[in-house]
Amino acid sequence: QVQLVESGGGLVQPGGSLRLSCVVSGPPLDYYTIAWFRQAPGKEREGVSCISNSDGSTYYTDSVKGRFTISRDNAKSTVYLEMTSLKPEDTAVYYCAADSRSFEPIATLFRYGYVMEYMGKGTLVTVSS
């Protein structure tokens, strides 16, 4: 069984940085395409970024391009989301998710409400002064 556990959330001032981590247990991490989602209060869940399990290809939603960086360390079974230049509108619960489908369809589907095979319970990021 696959389990995902996120950490690294917290309160940060606008312009600050945070690094989220997601530890994946179960089959080897390189079996999966990994994505980060977020859900702000009163809003629908939004796909933020995803990363390939083969060639390291990545995708970012427009609102985080140039500010967020997704990466993975298969040896540590850990995926990261480095967030810089944070804005109040980045406030949300951030979820890590895994799917055995390849990167190309996931990079399209996850923007339109696709439900990944496995998802963690989330970590709260609050950007406020």
Protein backbone atom coordinates (compact mmCIF):
# COMPACT_ATOMS: atom_id res chain seq x y z
CA GLN A 1 0.00 0.00 0.00
CA VAL A 2 1.25 3.47 -0.86
CA GLN A 3 1.29 6.16 1.80
CA LEU A 4 2.27 9.78 1.36
CA VAL A 5 3.11 12.07 4.27
CA GLU A 6 3.63 15.78 3.73
CA SER A 7 5.55 18.12 6.02
CA GLY A 8 7.13 21.57 6.01
CA GLY A 9 4.07 23.77 6.06
CA GLY A 10 3.70 26.72 8.39
CA LEU A 11 3.25 30.45 8.69
CA VAL A 12 5.46 32.64 6.52
CA GLN A 13 5.48 36.32 5.64
CA PRO A 14 4.82 37.50 2.09
CA GLY A 15 8.01 37.24 0.07
CA GLY A 16 9.28 34.39 2.21
CA SER A 17 10.13 30.80 1.36
CA LEU A 18 9.19 27.30 2.46
CA ARG A 19 10.18 23.83 1.39
CA LEU A 20 7.54 21.13 1.53
CA SER A 21 8.53 17.48 1.69
CA CYS A 22 6.53 14.37 0.86
CA VAL A 23 7.78 10.96 1.98
CA VAL A 24 6.30 8.11 -0.05
CA SER A 25 6.25 4.61 1.42
CA GLY A 26 5.42 1.39 -0.39
CA PRO A 27 6.69 0.55 -3.87
CA PRO A 28 9.78 2.43 -5.13
CA LEU A 29 9.16 6.11 -5.76
CA ASP A 30 10.28 5.81 -9.38
CA TYR A 31 7.12 3.83 -10.13
CA TYR A 32 5.08 7.02 -9.90
CA THR A 33 4.43 10.38 -11.41
CA ILE A 34 4.18 12.78 -8.45
CA ALA A 35 2.10 15.93 -8.19
CA TRP A 36 1.43 18.68 -5.70
CA PHE A 37 -2.07 20.07 -5.31
CA ARG A 38 -3.41 22.83 -3.10
CA GLN A 39 -6.81 23.80 -1.80
CA ALA A 40 -7.50 27.25 -0.43
CA PRO A 41 -10.46 27.92 1.89
CA GLY A 42 -13.68 28.03 -0.11
CA LYS A 43 -11.97 27.09 -3.36
CA GLU A 44 -11.60 23.94 -5.43
CA ARG A 45 -8.44 21.89 -5.32
CA GLU A 46 -5.85 23.11 -7.82
CA GLY A 47 -3.01 21.24 -9.49
CA VAL A 48 0.23 23.11 -8.75
CA SER A 49 3.05 21.04 -10.20
CA CYS A 50 4.01 17.54 -11.27
CA ILE A 51 7.21 15.66 -12.05
CA SER A 52 8.00 12.69 -14.24
CA ASN A 53 9.30 9.43 -12.83
CA SER A 54 11.56 8.85 -15.86
CA ASP A 55 13.25 11.93 -17.28
CA GLY A 56 12.59 14.57 -14.65
CA SER A 57 10.18 16.54 -16.80
CA THR A 58 8.13 19.01 -14.83
CA TYR A 59 4.97 21.07 -15.17
CA TYR A 60 3.86 24.14 -13.23
CA THR A 61 0.60 25.97 -13.20
CA ASP A 62 1.02 29.55 -14.44
CA SER A 63 0.51 31.19 -11.04
CA VAL A 64 3.61 29.52 -9.55
CA LYS A 65 5.99 29.44 -12.53
CA GLY A 66 9.35 30.95 -11.64
CA ARG A 67 8.59 30.79 -7.90
CA PHE A 68 8.07 27.09 -7.13
CA THR A 69 10.38 24.19 -7.92
CA ILE A 70 9.42 20.52 -7.73
CA SER A 71 12.09 17.87 -7.31
CA ARG A 72 12.40 14.25 -6.29
CA ASP A 73 15.00 12.07 -4.58
CA ASN A 74 14.08 8.50 -5.47
CA ALA A 75 16.75 7.10 -3.16
CA LYS A 76 15.10 8.84 -0.21
CA SER A 77 11.56 8.20 -1.50
CA THR A 78 10.95 11.92 -1.05
CA VAL A 79 9.50 14.64 -3.23
CA TYR A 80 10.00 18.34 -2.54
CA LEU A 81 8.24 21.56 -3.40
CA GLU A 82 10.50 24.57 -2.94
CA MET A 83 8.35 27.70 -2.70
CA THR A 84 9.83 31.19 -2.92
CA SER A 85 8.44 34.72 -3.21
CA LEU A 86 5.32 33.51 -1.46
CA LYS A 87 2.13 35.53 -1.74
CA PRO A 88 -0.99 35.61 0.43
CA GLU A 89 -2.87 33.89 -2.39
CA ASP A 90 -0.57 30.87 -1.99
CA THR A 91 -2.25 30.18 1.35
CA ALA A 92 -3.75 26.69 1.16
CA VAL A 93 -3.47 23.11 2.28
CA TYR A 94 -0.86 21.47 0.05
CA TYR A 95 -1.23 17.82 -0.88
CA CYS A 96 1.23 15.41 -2.41
CA ALA A 97 -0.15 12.75 -4.78
CA ALA A 98 1.16 9.76 -6.72
CA ASP A 99 -0.08 7.96 -9.81
CA SER A 100 1.26 5.04 -11.81
CA ARG A 101 0.25 6.67 -15.11
CA SER A 102 3.03 8.30 -17.07
CA PHE A 103 3.86 11.99 -16.83
CA GLU A 104 2.39 13.16 -20.14
CA PRO A 105 -1.28 12.37 -19.45
CA ILE A 106 -0.97 13.35 -15.79
CA ALA A 107 0.46 16.77 -16.67
CA THR A 108 -2.72 17.44 -18.63
CA LEU A 109 -5.31 15.60 -16.55
CA PHE A 110 -4.30 16.92 -13.16
CA ARG A 111 -5.23 20.45 -14.22
CA TYR A 112 -8.83 19.35 -14.81
CA GLY A 113 -9.78 17.63 -11.59
CA TYR A 114 -8.22 14.22 -12.23
CA VAL A 115 -8.09 12.24 -9.01
CA MET A 116 -4.64 10.75 -8.52
CA GLU A 117 -4.38 7.16 -7.30
CA TYR A 118 -2.84 8.08 -3.95
CA MET A 119 -2.86 11.31 -1.96
CA GLY A 120 -1.54 12.44 1.40
CA LYS A 121 -3.45 14.29 4.10
CA GLY A 122 -1.85 17.64 3.42
CA THR A 123 0.16 20.34 5.13
CA LEU A 124 -1.09 23.87 5.74
CA VAL A 125 0.79 26.84 4.30
CA THR A 126 -0.25 30.28 5.52
CA VAL A 127 1.26 33.38 3.95
CA SER A 128 0.48 36.41 6.06
CA SER A 129 2.11 39.39 7.70
